[in-house]
């Protein structure tokens, strides 16, 4: 068992990936972005978001370095691009543009949103779950732990974190409803500010990395 599964590496990889993906932090964002939609849509978005992120991250483990080398893309460029996209989402959350659009649509139809927005690919799948930090960390972990044993252990840690993320997404909408609209509105704006700040940090890290690598 120890030949194919390294306990210390699993714990280390799990801790790193859990902090970077941050299921408890992503869950309220997911609940906010799916607010006003049906339970079935929220459930579908939870499964699709995690599945898409899993495909991206697992694919990145096996082919990320090769793809980046062939296309001439640096991790710093990935950080900058992800930061810009995340910043836009943060601004929309602060000014509640998404919420306003859903409320207007609900008033027109007098029912739940019939054609709700698909957030599974962007922003939940990427960059919220499969973000540049997570991709970079997977590249580093697999590079420092070559061989099938290390690869399987890192993948196991990643899958455990993704399952925790899925469970947090499934529970988030109900918890947010229990808190009420006022609390949710405050949380939405705070999360928007934090997302915008995190996005700015991604951009700064990417710019700094690109400048110092020259």
C-alpha atoms as a PDB file:
ATOM      1  CA  UNK A   1       0.000   0.000   0.000  1.00  0.00           C
ATOM      2  CA  UNK A   2       2.759   2.448   0.900  1.00  0.00           C
ATOM      3  CA  UNK A   3       4.446   1.755  -2.454  1.00  0.00           C
ATOM      4  CA  UNK A   4       1.545   3.251  -4.369  1.00  0.00           C
ATOM      5  CA  UNK A   5       0.248   5.710  -1.767  1.00  0.00           C
ATOM      6  CA  UNK A   6       2.467   8.128   0.126  1.00  0.00           C
ATOM      7  CA  UNK A   7       0.729   9.370   3.265  1.00  0.00           C
ATOM      8  CA  UNK A   8       2.978  12.365   3.902  1.00  0.00           C
ATOM      9  CA  UNK A   9       2.704  13.538   0.299  1.00  0.00           C
ATOM     10  CA  UNK A  10      -1.075  13.073   0.387  1.00  0.00           C
ATOM     11  CA  UNK A  11      -1.429  15.216   3.512  1.00  0.00           C
ATOM     12  CA  UNK A  12       0.858  17.892   2.085  1.00  0.00           C
ATOM     13  CA  UNK A  13      -0.866  17.958  -1.315  1.00  0.00           C
ATOM     14  CA  UNK A  14      -4.315  17.939   0.297  1.00  0.00           C
ATOM     15  CA  UNK A  15      -3.438  20.904   2.516  1.00  0.00           C
ATOM     16  CA  UNK A  16      -2.051  22.927  -0.387  1.00  0.00           C
ATOM     17  CA  UNK A  17      -4.941  22.165  -2.739  1.00  0.00           C
ATOM     18  CA  UNK A  18      -7.595  22.708  -0.055  1.00  0.00           C
ATOM     19  CA  UNK A  19      -6.232  26.165   0.753  1.00  0.00           C
ATOM     20  CA  UNK A  20      -5.947  27.121  -2.929  1.00  0.00           C
ATOM     21  CA  UNK A  21      -9.337  25.808  -4.056  1.00  0.00           C
ATOM     22  CA  UNK A  22     -10.926  26.903  -0.755  1.00  0.00           C
ATOM     23  CA  UNK A  23     -14.281  25.029  -0.811  1.00  0.00           C
ATOM     24  CA  UNK A  24     -15.738  27.036   2.127  1.00  0.00           C
ATOM     25  CA  UNK A  25     -14.824  30.277   0.352  1.00  0.00           C
ATOM     26  CA  UNK A  26     -16.112  29.183  -3.058  1.00  0.00           C
ATOM     27  CA  UNK A  27     -19.449  27.923  -1.721  1.00  0.00           C
ATOM     28  CA  UNK A  28     -20.976  31.348  -0.908  1.00  0.00           C
ATOM     29  CA  UNK A  29     -19.845  32.630  -4.316  1.00  0.00           C
ATOM     30  CA  UNK A  30     -21.578  29.669  -5.951  1.00  0.00           C
ATOM     31  CA  UNK A  31     -24.746  30.307  -3.934  1.00  0.00           C
ATOM     32  CA  UNK A  32     -24.697  33.988  -4.892  1.00  0.00           C
ATOM     33  CA  UNK A  33     -24.214  33.328  -8.598  1.00  0.00           C
ATOM     34  CA  UNK A  34     -27.051  30.770  -8.660  1.00  0.00           C
ATOM     35  CA  UNK A  35     -29.438  32.819  -6.515  1.00  0.00           C
ATOM     36  CA  UNK A  36     -32.970  32.930  -7.931  1.00  0.00           C
ATOM     37  CA  UNK A  37     -32.574  29.739  -9.973  1.00  0.00           C
ATOM     38  CA  UNK A  38     -34.273  26.394  -9.418  1.00  0.00           C
ATOM     39  CA  UNK A  39     -32.901  23.715  -7.102  1.00  0.00           C
ATOM     40  CA  UNK A  40     -32.314  21.406 -10.054  1.00  0.00           C
ATOM     41  CA  UNK A  41     -30.292  24.087 -11.818  1.00  0.00           C
ATOM     42  CA  UNK A  42     -28.214  24.711  -8.703  1.00  0.00           C
ATOM     43  CA  UNK A  43     -27.568  20.990  -8.359  1.00  0.00           C
ATOM     44  CA  UNK A  44     -26.618  20.688 -12.042  1.00  0.00           C
ATOM     45  CA  UNK A  45     -24.276  23.663 -11.759  1.00  0.00           C
ATOM     46  CA  UNK A  46     -22.614  22.156  -8.679  1.00  0.00           C
ATOM     47  CA  UNK A  47     -21.898  18.850 -10.411  1.00  0.00           C
ATOM     48  CA  UNK A  48     -20.910  20.463 -13.717  1.00  0.00           C
ATOM     49  CA  UNK A  49     -18.615  23.021 -12.084  1.00  0.00           C
ATOM     50  CA  UNK A  50     -16.687  20.395 -10.143  1.00  0.00           C
ATOM     51  CA  UNK A  51     -16.614  17.966 -13.091  1.00  0.00           C
ATOM     52  CA  UNK A  52     -15.276  20.594 -15.483  1.00  0.00           C
ATOM     53  CA  UNK A  53     -12.675  21.712 -12.951  1.00  0.00           C
ATOM     54  CA  UNK A  54     -11.675  18.069 -12.379  1.00  0.00           C
ATOM     55  CA  UNK A  55     -11.203  17.493 -16.109  1.00  0.00           C
ATOM     56  CA  UNK A  56      -9.158  20.676 -16.450  1.00  0.00           C
ATOM     57  CA  UNK A  57      -6.952  19.995 -13.421  1.00  0.00           C
ATOM     58  CA  UNK A  58      -6.400  16.297 -14.134  1.00  0.00           C
ATOM     59  CA  UNK A  59      -5.641  17.127 -17.749  1.00  0.00           C
ATOM     60  CA  UNK A  60      -3.273  19.811 -16.526  1.00  0.00           C
ATOM     61  CA  UNK A  61      -1.457  17.278 -14.332  1.00  0.00           C
ATOM     62  CA  UNK A  62      -0.724  15.090 -17.353  1.00  0.00           C
ATOM     63  CA  UNK A  63      -0.276  17.647 -20.117  1.00  0.00           C
ATOM     64  CA  UNK A  64      -0.031  21.137 -18.644  1.00  0.00           C
ATOM     65  CA  UNK A  65       3.725  21.549 -18.863  1.00  0.00           C
ATOM     66  CA  UNK A  66       3.793  20.192 -22.427  1.00  0.00           C
ATOM     67  CA  UNK A  67       0.985  22.485 -23.602  1.00  0.00           C
ATOM     68  CA  UNK A  68       2.502  25.561 -21.966  1.00  0.00           C
ATOM     69  CA  UNK A  69       5.903  24.864 -23.517  1.00  0.00           C
ATOM     70  CA  UNK A  70       4.482  24.292 -27.003  1.00  0.00           C
ATOM     71  CA  UNK A  71       2.302  27.407 -26.951  1.00  0.00           C
ATOM     72  CA  UNK A  72       4.926  29.541 -25.247  1.00  0.00           C
ATOM     73  CA  UNK A  73       2.555  30.430 -22.395  1.00  0.00           C
ATOM     74  CA  UNK A  74       3.958  31.208 -18.976  1.00  0.00           C
ATOM     75  CA  UNK A  75       2.270  30.705 -15.612  1.00  0.00           C
ATOM     76  CA  UNK A  76       2.561  34.451 -15.093  1.00  0.00           C
ATOM     77  CA  UNK A  77       0.405  35.031 -18.173  1.00  0.00           C
ATOM     78  CA  UNK A  78      -2.101  32.555 -16.752  1.00  0.00           C
ATOM     79  CA  UNK A  79      -2.164  34.479 -13.461  1.00  0.00           C
ATOM     80  CA  UNK A  80      -2.774  37.788 -15.250  1.00  0.00           C
ATOM     81  CA  UNK A  81      -5.565  36.410 -17.462  1.00  0.00           C
ATOM     82  CA  UNK A  82      -7.255  34.682 -14.538  1.00  0.00           C
ATOM     83  CA  UNK A  83      -6.960  37.823 -12.442  1.00  0.00           C
ATOM     84  CA  UNK A  84      -8.651  39.998 -15.059  1.00  0.00           C
ATOM     85  CA  UNK A  85     -11.565  37.581 -15.409  1.00  0.00           C
ATOM     86  CA  UNK A  86     -11.971  37.264 -11.665  1.00  0.00           C
ATOM     87  CA  UNK A  87     -11.847  41.051 -11.235  1.00  0.00           C
ATOM     88  CA  UNK A  88     -14.820  41.479 -13.580  1.00  0.00           C
ATOM     89  CA  UNK A  89     -16.832  38.954 -11.572  1.00  0.00           C
ATOM     90  CA  UNK A  90     -15.892  40.738  -8.353  1.00  0.00           C
ATOM     91  CA  UNK A  91     -17.122  44.086  -9.682  1.00  0.00           C
ATOM     92  CA  UNK A  92     -20.411  42.557 -10.795  1.00  0.00           C
ATOM     93  CA  UNK A  93     -20.914  41.106  -7.312  1.00  0.00           C
ATOM     94  CA  UNK A  94     -20.124  44.408  -5.572  1.00  0.00           C
ATOM     95  CA  UNK A  95     -22.632  46.336  -7.690  1.00  0.00           C
ATOM     96  CA  UNK A  96     -25.081  43.383  -7.760  1.00  0.00           C
ATOM     97  CA  UNK A  97     -25.517  43.516 -11.524  1.00  0.00           C
ATOM     98  CA  UNK A  98     -26.111  39.775 -11.673  1.00  0.00           C
ATOM     99  CA  UNK A  99     -28.738  39.945  -8.936  1.00  0.00           C
ATOM    100  CA  UNK A 100     -30.521  42.847 -10.608  1.00  0.00           C
ATOM    101  CA  UNK A 101     -30.684  41.013 -13.929  1.00  0.00           C
ATOM    102  CA  UNK A 102     -32.172  37.934 -12.295  1.00  0.00           C
ATOM    103  CA  UNK A 103     -34.737  39.982 -10.342  1.00  0.00           C
ATOM    104  CA  UNK A 104     -35.839  41.819 -13.500  1.00  0.00           C
ATOM    105  CA  UNK A 105     -36.170  38.542 -15.357  1.00  0.00           C
ATOM    106  CA  UNK A 106     -38.149  37.010 -12.471  1.00  0.00           C
ATOM    107  CA  UNK A 107     -40.564  39.954 -12.405  1.00  0.00           C
ATOM    108  CA  UNK A 108     -41.172  39.678 -16.130  1.00  0.00           C
ATOM    109  CA  UNK A 109     -41.806  35.941 -16.078  1.00  0.00           C
ATOM    110  CA  UNK A 110     -43.431  35.826 -12.597  1.00  0.00           C
ATOM    111  CA  UNK A 111     -41.675  32.527 -12.041  1.00  0.00           C
ATOM    112  CA  UNK A 112     -38.220  31.112 -11.520  1.00  0.00           C
ATOM    113  CA  UNK A 113     -35.665  31.859 -14.195  1.00  0.00           C
ATOM    114  CA  UNK A 114     -36.395  29.670 -17.233  1.00  0.00           C
ATOM    115  CA  UNK A 115     -33.041  30.195 -18.921  1.00  0.00           C
ATOM    116  CA  UNK A 116     -30.574  30.668 -16.056  1.00  0.00           C
ATOM    117  CA  UNK A 117     -26.965  31.503 -16.679  1.00  0.00           C
ATOM    118  CA  UNK A 118     -24.536  28.602 -16.957  1.00  0.00           C
ATOM    119  CA  UNK A 119     -21.696  29.380 -14.526  1.00  0.00           C
ATOM    120  CA  UNK A 120     -20.151  25.909 -14.563  1.00  0.00           C
ATOM    121  CA  UNK A 121     -17.306  26.713 -16.963  1.00  0.00           C
ATOM    122  CA  UNK A 122     -16.778  30.363 -16.032  1.00  0.00           C
ATOM    123  CA  UNK A 123     -16.340  31.527 -13.361  1.00  0.00           C
ATOM    124  CA  UNK A 124     -16.843  28.462 -11.119  1.00  0.00           C
ATOM    125  CA  UNK A 125     -15.003  25.788 -13.091  1.00  0.00           C
ATOM    126  CA  UNK A 126     -12.242  28.188 -13.997  1.00  0.00           C
ATOM    127  CA  UNK A 127     -10.816  30.311 -12.420  1.00  0.00           C
ATOM    128  CA  UNK A 128     -12.628  29.776  -9.079  1.00  0.00           C
ATOM    129  CA  UNK A 129     -11.843  26.045  -8.708  1.00  0.00           C
ATOM    130  CA  UNK A 130      -9.263  25.416 -11.404  1.00  0.00           C
ATOM    131  CA  UNK A 131      -7.412  28.666 -10.829  1.00  0.00           C
ATOM    132  CA  UNK A 132      -3.875  29.630 -11.820  1.00  0.00           C
ATOM    133  CA  UNK A 133      -2.584  28.999  -8.306  1.00  0.00           C
ATOM    134  CA  UNK A 134      -4.001  25.479  -8.294  1.00  0.00           C
ATOM    135  CA  UNK A 135      -2.578  24.741 -11.746  1.00  0.00           C
ATOM    136  CA  UNK A 136       0.822  26.072 -10.776  1.00  0.00           C
ATOM    137  CA  UNK A 137       0.831  24.057  -7.554  1.00  0.00           C
ATOM    138  CA  UNK A 138      -0.065  20.854  -9.395  1.00  0.00           C
ATOM    139  CA  UNK A 139       2.829  21.433 -11.785  1.00  0.00           C
ATOM    140  CA  UNK A 140       5.193  21.963  -8.856  1.00  0.00           C
ATOM    141  CA  UNK A 141       3.902  18.952  -6.881  1.00  0.00           C
ATOM    142  CA  UNK A 142       4.158  16.563  -9.816  1.00  0.00           C
ATOM    143  CA  UNK A 143       7.575  17.943 -10.736  1.00  0.00           C
ATOM    144  CA  UNK A 144       8.927  17.429  -7.217  1.00  0.00           C
ATOM    145  CA  UNK A 145       7.385  13.945  -6.882  1.00  0.00           C
ATOM    146  CA  UNK A 146       8.032  12.071 -10.137  1.00  0.00           C
ATOM    147  CA  UNK A 147       6.883   8.534 -10.712  1.00  0.00           C
ATOM    148  CA  UNK A 148       3.542   6.744 -10.641  1.00  0.00           C
ATOM    149  CA  UNK A 149       3.389   6.657  -6.827  1.00  0.00           C
ATOM    150  CA  UNK A 150       3.662  10.421  -6.503  1.00  0.00           C
ATOM    151  CA  UNK A 151       1.229  11.034  -9.351  1.00  0.00           C
ATOM    152  CA  UNK A 152      -1.454   8.741  -7.895  1.00  0.00           C
ATOM    153  CA  UNK A 153      -1.072  10.266  -4.437  1.00  0.00           C
ATOM    154  CA  UNK A 154      -1.420  13.820  -5.750  1.00  0.00           C
ATOM    155  CA  UNK A 155      -4.447  12.860  -7.843  1.00  0.00           C
ATOM    156  CA  UNK A 156      -6.053  11.227  -4.783  1.00  0.00           C
ATOM    157  CA  UNK A 157      -5.574  14.426  -2.762  1.00  0.00           C
ATOM    158  CA  UNK A 158      -7.042  16.482  -5.614  1.00  0.00           C
ATOM    159  CA  UNK A 159     -10.108  14.232  -5.906  1.00  0.00           C
ATOM    160  CA  UNK A 160     -10.782  14.401  -2.156  1.00  0.00           C
ATOM    161  CA  UNK A 161     -10.683  18.215  -2.241  1.00  0.00           C
ATOM    162  CA  UNK A 162     -12.996  18.268  -5.266  1.00  0.00           C
ATOM    163  CA  UNK A 163     -15.508  16.008  -3.497  1.00  0.00           C
ATOM    164  CA  UNK A 164     -15.471  18.357  -0.495  1.00  0.00           C
ATOM    165  CA  UNK A 165     -16.003  21.266  -2.898  1.00  0.00           C
ATOM    166  CA  UNK A 166     -19.006  19.520  -4.457  1.00  0.00           C
ATOM    167  CA  UNK A 167     -20.589  18.871  -1.061  1.00  0.00           C
ATOM    168  CA  UNK A 168     -20.074  22.505  -0.038  1.00  0.00           C
ATOM    169  CA  UNK A 169     -21.731  23.692  -3.279  1.00  0.00           C
ATOM    170  CA  UNK A 170     -24.738  21.428  -2.745  1.00  0.00           C
ATOM    171  CA  UNK A 171     -25.245  22.716   0.808  1.00  0.00           C
ATOM    172  CA  UNK A 172     -24.497  26.395   0.127  1.00  0.00           C
ATOM    173  CA  UNK A 173     -27.815  27.593  -1.449  1.00  0.00           C
ATOM    174  CA  UNK A 174     -29.890  26.219   1.430  1.00  0.00           C
ATOM    175  CA  UNK A 175     -27.621  27.801   4.017  1.00  0.00           C
ATOM    176  CA  UNK A 176     -27.718  31.131   2.203  1.00  0.00           C
ATOM    177  CA  UNK A 177     -31.540  31.038   2.083  1.00  0.00           C
ATOM    178  CA  UNK A 178     -31.690  30.437   5.820  1.00  0.00           C
ATOM    179  CA  UNK A 179     -29.603  33.563   6.412  1.00  0.00           C
ATOM    180  CA  UNK A 180     -32.067  35.843   4.557  1.00  0.00           C
ATOM    181  CA  UNK A 181     -31.729  38.444   1.783  1.00  0.00           C
ATOM    182  CA  UNK A 182     -30.120  41.178   3.891  1.00  0.00           C
ATOM    183  CA  UNK A 183     -27.332  38.940   5.137  1.00  0.00           C
ATOM    184  CA  UNK A 184     -26.845  37.502   1.647  1.00  0.00           C
ATOM    185  CA  UNK A 185     -26.582  41.002   0.145  1.00  0.00           C
ATOM    186  CA  UNK A 186     -23.904  41.978   2.649  1.00  0.00           C
ATOM    187  CA  UNK A 187     -22.005  38.737   2.034  1.00  0.00           C
ATOM    188  CA  UNK A 188     -22.292  39.241  -1.729  1.00  0.00           C
ATOM    189  CA  UNK A 189     -20.664  42.669  -1.585  1.00  0.00           C
ATOM    190  CA  UNK A 190     -17.944  41.549   0.837  1.00  0.00           C
ATOM    191  CA  UNK A 191     -17.152  38.559  -1.347  1.00  0.00           C
ATOM    192  CA  UNK A 192     -17.093  40.811  -4.397  1.00  0.00           C
ATOM    193  CA  UNK A 193     -14.499  43.059  -2.747  1.00  0.00           C
ATOM    194  CA  UNK A 194     -12.442  40.032  -1.694  1.00  0.00           C
ATOM    195  CA  UNK A 195     -12.636  38.536  -5.183  1.00  0.00           C
ATOM    196  CA  UNK A 196     -11.571  41.819  -6.769  1.00  0.00           C
ATOM    197  CA  UNK A 197      -8.680  42.050  -4.306  1.00  0.00           C
ATOM    198  CA  UNK A 198      -7.658  38.469  -4.982  1.00  0.00           C
ATOM    199  CA  UNK A 199      -7.838  39.181  -8.714  1.00  0.00           C
ATOM    200  CA  UNK A 200      -5.604  42.223  -8.299  1.00  0.00           C
ATOM    201  CA  UNK A 201      -3.107  40.068  -6.397  1.00  0.00           C
ATOM    202  CA  UNK A 202      -3.134  37.511  -9.229  1.00  0.00           C
ATOM    203  CA  UNK A 203      -2.375  40.284 -11.711  1.00  0.00           C
ATOM    204  CA  UNK A 204       0.379  41.791  -9.542  1.00  0.00           C
ATOM    205  CA  UNK A 205       1.987  38.375  -9.034  1.00  0.00           C
ATOM    206  CA  UNK A 206       1.839  37.700 -12.748  1.00  0.00           C
ATOM    207  CA  UNK A 207       3.333  41.073 -13.672  1.00  0.00           C
ATOM    208  CA  UNK A 208       6.052  40.772 -11.015  1.00  0.00           C
ATOM    209  CA  UNK A 209       6.899  37.250 -12.105  1.00  0.00           C
ATOM    210  CA  UNK A 210       7.093  38.274 -15.739  1.00  0.00           C
ATOM    211  CA  UNK A 211       9.318  41.296 -14.986  1.00  0.00           C
ATOM    212  CA  UNK A 212      11.751  39.477 -12.716  1.00  0.00           C
ATOM    213  CA  UNK A 213      12.010  36.500 -15.056  1.00  0.00           C
ATOM    214  CA  UNK A 214      13.257  38.706 -17.888  1.00  0.00           C
END
